[in-house]
Amino acid sequence: MPRLLLMLLCVAASGAVADPLSGERREALCNLVHQDCGSCHGMRLNGGLGPALTPAALREKSREFLAITIREGRPGTPMPPWKTLLDEADIAWIVDYLKTAGVTP
């Protein structure tokens, strides 16, 4: 995804997601979602090795479930735990971003 488009998506999402994170941190997390998560969940988050992470795909998943999944990973699957790299505010922002502003085709 071109960097300018990715930045615009992150800026648009920052208005929809209440958080205490700096703009720089939100941009870093947005890049993480689209690059690191996207390497398994698809660069447009429409699914790949892992399931889709679009708002529609996550509609029935609770924020708590998603936060636990990000923090602890999914044992027995390629989904790693991110708790050593992300704090609770980071995880909450990612969950809100995916639930409200994830990329759709």
N, C-alpha and C. Protein backbone atom coordinates (compact mmCIF):
# COMPACT_ATOMS: atom_id res chain seq x y z
N MET A 1 0.86 -1.17 0.00
CA MET A 1 0.00 0.00 0.00
C MET A 1 0.91 1.23 0.00
N PRO A 2 0.67 2.18 -0.89
CA PRO A 2 1.50 3.37 -0.92
C PRO A 2 1.48 4.09 0.43
N ARG A 3 2.64 4.62 0.81
CA ARG A 3 2.79 5.25 2.13
C ARG A 3 1.80 6.40 2.33
N LEU A 4 1.56 7.23 1.33
CA LEU A 4 0.64 8.35 1.48
C LEU A 4 -0.77 7.86 1.79
N LEU A 5 -1.23 6.84 1.09
CA LEU A 5 -2.55 6.28 1.34
C LEU A 5 -2.63 5.72 2.75
N LEU A 6 -1.59 5.01 3.17
CA LEU A 6 -1.56 4.45 4.51
C LEU A 6 -1.61 5.56 5.56
N MET A 7 -0.88 6.64 5.35
CA MET A 7 -0.90 7.76 6.29
C MET A 7 -2.28 8.39 6.35
N LEU A 8 -2.94 8.54 5.21
CA LEU A 8 -4.29 9.11 5.19
C LEU A 8 -5.28 8.22 5.94
N LEU A 9 -5.15 6.91 5.78
CA LEU A 9 -6.01 5.99 6.51
C LEU A 9 -5.79 6.12 8.01
N CYS A 10 -4.54 6.26 8.42
CA CYS A 10 -4.23 6.39 9.84
C CYS A 10 -4.77 7.70 10.39
N VAL A 11 -4.63 8.78 9.64
CA VAL A 11 -5.14 10.07 10.10
C VAL A 11 -6.65 10.02 10.19
N ALA A 12 -7.30 9.44 9.20
CA ALA A 12 -8.76 9.33 9.23
C ALA A 12 -9.21 8.49 10.42
N ALA A 13 -8.50 7.43 10.70
CA ALA A 13 -8.86 6.57 11.82
C ALA A 13 -8.62 7.26 13.15
N SER A 14 -7.64 8.12 13.23
CA SER A 14 -7.34 8.75 14.51
C SER A 14 -8.49 9.65 14.96
N GLY A 15 -9.28 10.16 14.02
CA GLY A 15 -10.43 10.96 14.39
C GLY A 15 -11.58 10.10 14.89
N ALA A 16 -11.64 8.84 14.45
CA ALA A 16 -12.72 7.95 14.82
C ALA A 16 -12.42 7.18 16.09
N VAL A 17 -11.16 7.16 16.50
CA VAL A 17 -10.74 6.35 17.62
C VAL A 17 -10.20 7.25 18.72
N ALA A 18 -10.86 7.26 19.86
CA ALA A 18 -10.39 8.06 21.00
C ALA A 18 -9.20 7.35 21.63
N ASP A 19 -8.09 8.03 21.79
CA ASP A 19 -6.93 7.40 22.40
C ASP A 19 -5.96 8.45 22.92
N PRO A 20 -5.11 8.04 23.85
CA PRO A 20 -4.13 8.95 24.41
C PRO A 20 -2.80 8.92 23.66
N LEU A 21 -2.75 8.25 22.54
CA LEU A 21 -1.49 8.07 21.82
C LEU A 21 -1.16 9.27 20.96
N SER A 22 0.12 9.52 20.78
CA SER A 22 0.56 10.60 19.91
C SER A 22 0.29 10.23 18.46
N GLY A 23 0.24 11.22 17.60
CA GLY A 23 0.06 10.97 16.17
C GLY A 23 1.15 10.09 15.62
N GLU A 24 2.37 10.28 16.09
CA GLU A 24 3.49 9.47 15.63
C GLU A 24 3.30 8.00 16.02
N ARG A 25 2.82 7.77 17.25
CA ARG A 25 2.60 6.39 17.70
C ARG A 25 1.44 5.76 16.93
N ARG A 26 0.37 6.52 16.68
CA ARG A 26 -0.75 5.99 15.89
C ARG A 26 -0.28 5.60 14.50
N GLU A 27 0.56 6.43 13.90
CA GLU A 27 1.07 6.10 12.57
C GLU A 27 1.92 4.83 12.61
N ALA A 28 2.74 4.70 13.64
CA ALA A 28 3.55 3.49 13.79
C ALA A 28 2.67 2.25 13.95
N LEU A 29 1.61 2.37 14.75
CA LEU A 29 0.70 1.24 14.93
C LEU A 29 -0.06 0.92 13.66
N CYS A 30 -0.45 1.94 12.94
CA CYS A 30 -1.13 1.72 11.66
C CYS A 30 -0.22 0.97 10.70
N ASN A 31 1.04 1.38 10.65
CA ASN A 31 2.01 0.67 9.81
C ASN A 31 2.16 -0.78 10.27
N LEU A 32 2.21 -1.00 11.57
CA LEU A 32 2.33 -2.35 12.10
C LEU A 32 1.14 -3.19 11.66
N VAL A 33 -0.06 -2.64 11.78
CA VAL A 33 -1.26 -3.39 11.38
C VAL A 33 -1.19 -3.77 9.91
N HIS A 34 -0.85 -2.81 9.06
CA HIS A 34 -0.90 -3.08 7.62
C HIS A 34 0.31 -3.85 7.10
N GLN A 35 1.44 -3.73 7.77
CA GLN A 35 2.62 -4.45 7.30
C GLN A 35 2.80 -5.77 8.05
N ASP A 36 2.93 -5.71 9.36
CA ASP A 36 3.19 -6.93 10.13
C ASP A 36 1.95 -7.84 10.17
N CYS A 37 0.82 -7.29 10.59
CA CYS A 37 -0.41 -8.10 10.62
C CYS A 37 -0.81 -8.48 9.20
N GLY A 38 -0.64 -7.52 8.28
CA GLY A 38 -1.01 -7.76 6.89
C GLY A 38 -0.22 -8.87 6.23
N SER A 39 0.97 -9.18 6.76
CA SER A 39 1.76 -10.25 6.15
C SER A 39 1.05 -11.60 6.28
N CYS A 40 0.22 -11.76 7.28
CA CYS A 40 -0.57 -13.00 7.43
C CYS A 40 -2.06 -12.80 7.13
N HIS A 41 -2.58 -11.63 7.47
CA HIS A 41 -4.01 -11.37 7.32
C HIS A 41 -4.34 -10.69 5.99
N GLY A 42 -3.35 -10.57 5.12
CA GLY A 42 -3.55 -9.93 3.83
C GLY A 42 -3.25 -8.44 3.91
N MET A 43 -2.57 -7.92 2.92
CA MET A 43 -2.15 -6.51 2.94
C MET A 43 -3.33 -5.56 3.01
N ARG A 44 -4.51 -6.01 2.57
CA ARG A 44 -5.72 -5.19 2.70
C ARG A 44 -6.59 -5.71 3.84
N LEU A 45 -6.00 -6.61 4.64
CA LEU A 45 -6.66 -7.19 5.82
C LEU A 45 -7.89 -8.01 5.46
N ASN A 46 -7.94 -8.50 4.23
CA ASN A 46 -9.07 -9.30 3.77
C ASN A 46 -8.88 -10.80 3.99
N GLY A 47 -7.82 -11.16 4.68
CA GLY A 47 -7.57 -12.57 4.96
C GLY A 47 -6.44 -13.12 4.12
N GLY A 48 -5.83 -14.13 4.61
CA GLY A 48 -4.71 -14.81 3.95
C GLY A 48 -4.45 -16.05 4.77
N LEU A 49 -3.24 -16.17 5.31
CA LEU A 49 -2.94 -17.25 6.24
C LEU A 49 -3.85 -17.14 7.46
N GLY A 50 -4.05 -15.90 7.92
CA GLY A 50 -4.96 -15.62 9.03
C GLY A 50 -6.28 -15.09 8.50
N PRO A 51 -7.30 -15.02 9.35
CA PRO A 51 -8.62 -14.55 8.92
C PRO A 51 -8.63 -13.06 8.59
N ALA A 52 -9.67 -12.62 7.92
CA ALA A 52 -9.84 -11.21 7.59
C ALA A 52 -9.96 -10.39 8.87
N LEU A 53 -9.44 -9.16 8.82
CA LEU A 53 -9.50 -8.23 9.95
C LEU A 53 -10.28 -6.97 9.59
N THR A 54 -11.22 -7.10 8.70
CA THR A 54 -12.06 -5.95 8.32
C THR A 54 -13.13 -5.73 9.39
N PRO A 55 -13.69 -4.52 9.45
CA PRO A 55 -14.78 -4.28 10.41
C PRO A 55 -15.94 -5.28 10.25
N ALA A 56 -16.28 -5.60 9.02
CA ALA A 56 -17.37 -6.56 8.79
C ALA A 56 -17.02 -7.94 9.35
N ALA A 57 -15.79 -8.37 9.13
CA ALA A 57 -15.37 -9.68 9.61
C ALA A 57 -15.29 -9.74 11.13
N LEU A 58 -15.03 -8.59 11.76
CA LEU A 58 -14.86 -8.54 13.21
C LEU A 58 -16.12 -8.10 13.95
N ARG A 59 -17.18 -7.86 13.23
CA ARG A 59 -18.42 -7.32 13.82
C ARG A 59 -18.87 -8.11 15.04
N GLU A 60 -18.83 -9.42 14.98
CA GLU A 60 -19.33 -10.27 16.07
C GLU A 60 -18.28 -10.54 17.15
N LYS A 61 -17.06 -10.07 16.96
CA LYS A 61 -15.99 -10.29 17.94
C LYS A 61 -15.99 -9.13 18.93
N SER A 62 -15.90 -9.44 20.20
CA SER A 62 -15.86 -8.38 21.22
C SER A 62 -14.47 -7.73 21.24
N ARG A 63 -14.43 -6.50 21.71
CA ARG A 63 -13.15 -5.82 21.86
C ARG A 63 -12.24 -6.59 22.81
N GLU A 64 -12.83 -7.13 23.87
CA GLU A 64 -12.03 -7.90 24.84
C GLU A 64 -11.41 -9.13 24.17
N PHE A 65 -12.19 -9.86 23.38
CA PHE A 65 -11.67 -11.04 22.68
C PHE A 65 -10.51 -10.65 21.76
N LEU A 66 -10.69 -9.56 21.01
CA LEU A 66 -9.63 -9.13 20.09
C LEU A 66 -8.38 -8.69 20.85
N ALA A 67 -8.56 -7.97 21.96
CA ALA A 67 -7.41 -7.53 22.76
C ALA A 67 -6.65 -8.73 23.32
N ILE A 68 -7.36 -9.71 23.82
CA ILE A 68 -6.71 -10.92 24.34
C ILE A 68 -5.97 -11.65 23.23
N THR A 69 -6.59 -11.73 22.06
CA THR A 69 -5.95 -12.40 20.92
C THR A 69 -4.66 -11.71 20.53
N ILE A 70 -4.69 -10.38 20.47
CA ILE A 70 -3.47 -9.63 20.12
C ILE A 70 -2.42 -9.81 21.21
N ARG A 71 -2.84 -9.65 22.46
CA ARG A 71 -1.90 -9.71 23.58
C ARG A 71 -1.29 -11.10 23.74
N GLU A 72 -2.12 -12.14 23.71
CA GLU A 72 -1.67 -13.50 24.03
C GLU A 72 -1.40 -14.38 22.82
N GLY A 73 -1.82 -13.95 21.64
CA GLY A 73 -1.68 -14.80 20.46
C GLY A 73 -2.74 -15.89 20.46
N ARG A 74 -2.60 -16.82 19.53
CA ARG A 74 -3.53 -17.95 19.44
C ARG A 74 -2.70 -19.23 19.45
N PRO A 75 -2.57 -19.87 20.61
CA PRO A 75 -1.78 -21.12 20.67
C PRO A 75 -2.24 -22.13 19.62
N GLY A 76 -1.29 -22.80 19.03
CA GLY A 76 -1.59 -23.79 18.01
C GLY A 76 -1.79 -23.20 16.63
N THR A 77 -1.62 -21.88 16.51
CA THR A 77 -1.74 -21.21 15.21
C THR A 77 -0.49 -20.35 15.01
N PRO A 78 -0.29 -19.80 13.82
CA PRO A 78 0.85 -18.90 13.61
C PRO A 78 0.70 -17.53 14.30
N MET A 79 -0.46 -17.22 14.92
CA MET A 79 -0.67 -15.92 15.54
C MET A 79 0.17 -15.81 16.82
N PRO A 80 1.19 -14.92 16.80
CA PRO A 80 2.07 -14.78 17.96
C PRO A 80 1.47 -13.83 19.00
N PRO A 81 1.94 -13.92 20.25
CA PRO A 81 1.55 -12.92 21.23
C PRO A 81 2.33 -11.62 20.98
N TRP A 82 1.67 -10.48 21.13
CA TRP A 82 2.32 -9.19 20.91
C TRP A 82 2.57 -8.45 22.21
N LYS A 83 2.31 -9.10 23.36
CA LYS A 83 2.40 -8.42 24.65
C LYS A 83 3.80 -7.92 24.99
N THR A 84 4.83 -8.45 24.38
CA THR A 84 6.17 -7.96 24.68
C THR A 84 6.51 -6.71 23.87
N LEU A 85 5.75 -6.43 22.82
CA LEU A 85 6.01 -5.27 21.96
C LEU A 85 4.96 -4.18 22.07
N LEU A 86 3.77 -4.52 22.55
CA LEU A 86 2.66 -3.56 22.61
C LEU A 86 2.14 -3.46 24.03
N ASP A 87 1.85 -2.23 24.46
CA ASP A 87 1.23 -2.07 25.78
C ASP A 87 -0.29 -2.06 25.60
N GLU A 88 -1.01 -1.92 26.72
CA GLU A 88 -2.47 -1.99 26.67
C GLU A 88 -3.08 -0.86 25.83
N ALA A 89 -2.49 0.34 25.89
CA ALA A 89 -3.01 1.45 25.08
C ALA A 89 -2.82 1.16 23.59
N ASP A 90 -1.68 0.59 23.24
CA ASP A 90 -1.43 0.22 21.84
C ASP A 90 -2.45 -0.81 21.37
N ILE A 91 -2.66 -1.83 22.19
CA ILE A 91 -3.60 -2.90 21.83
C ILE A 91 -5.01 -2.36 21.70
N ALA A 92 -5.41 -1.51 22.63
CA ALA A 92 -6.76 -0.91 22.57
C ALA A 92 -6.93 -0.09 21.30
N TRP A 93 -5.90 0.67 20.91
CA TRP A 93 -5.98 1.47 19.69
C TRP A 93 -6.13 0.56 18.47
N ILE A 94 -5.34 -0.50 18.43
CA ILE A 94 -5.42 -1.42 17.29
C ILE A 94 -6.81 -2.05 17.20
N VAL A 95 -7.34 -2.49 18.33
CA VAL A 95 -8.69 -3.08 18.34
C VAL A 95 -9.71 -2.07 17.81
N ASP A 96 -9.67 -0.84 18.32
CA ASP A 96 -10.61 0.18 17.84
C ASP A 96 -10.41 0.48 16.36
N TYR A 97 -9.16 0.54 15.93
CA TYR A 97 -8.86 0.79 14.52
C TYR A 97 -9.45 -0.31 13.65
N LEU A 98 -9.24 -1.55 14.03
CA LEU A 98 -9.77 -2.66 13.24
C LEU A 98 -11.29 -2.69 13.24
N LYS A 99 -11.90 -2.39 14.37
CA LYS A 99 -13.37 -2.43 14.48
C LYS A 99 -14.04 -1.26 13.74
N THR A 100 -13.35 -0.13 13.61
CA THR A 100 -14.01 1.06 13.07
C THR A 100 -13.45 1.57 11.75
N ALA A 101 -12.20 1.30 11.49
CA ALA A 101 -11.59 1.95 10.32
C ALA A 101 -10.69 1.03 9.51
N GLY A 102 -10.81 -0.25 9.68
CA GLY A 102 -9.98 -1.16 8.90
C GLY A 102 -10.20 -0.98 7.41
N VAL A 103 -9.26 -1.41 6.65
CA VAL A 103 -9.33 -1.25 5.20
C VAL A 103 -10.26 -2.29 4.61
N THR A 104 -11.14 -1.86 3.74
CA THR A 104 -12.00 -2.78 3.00
C THR A 104 -11.75 -2.55 1.51
N PRO A 105 -12.04 -3.54 0.69
CA PRO A 105 -11.76 -3.40 -0.75
C PRO A 105 -12.58 -2.32 -1.40
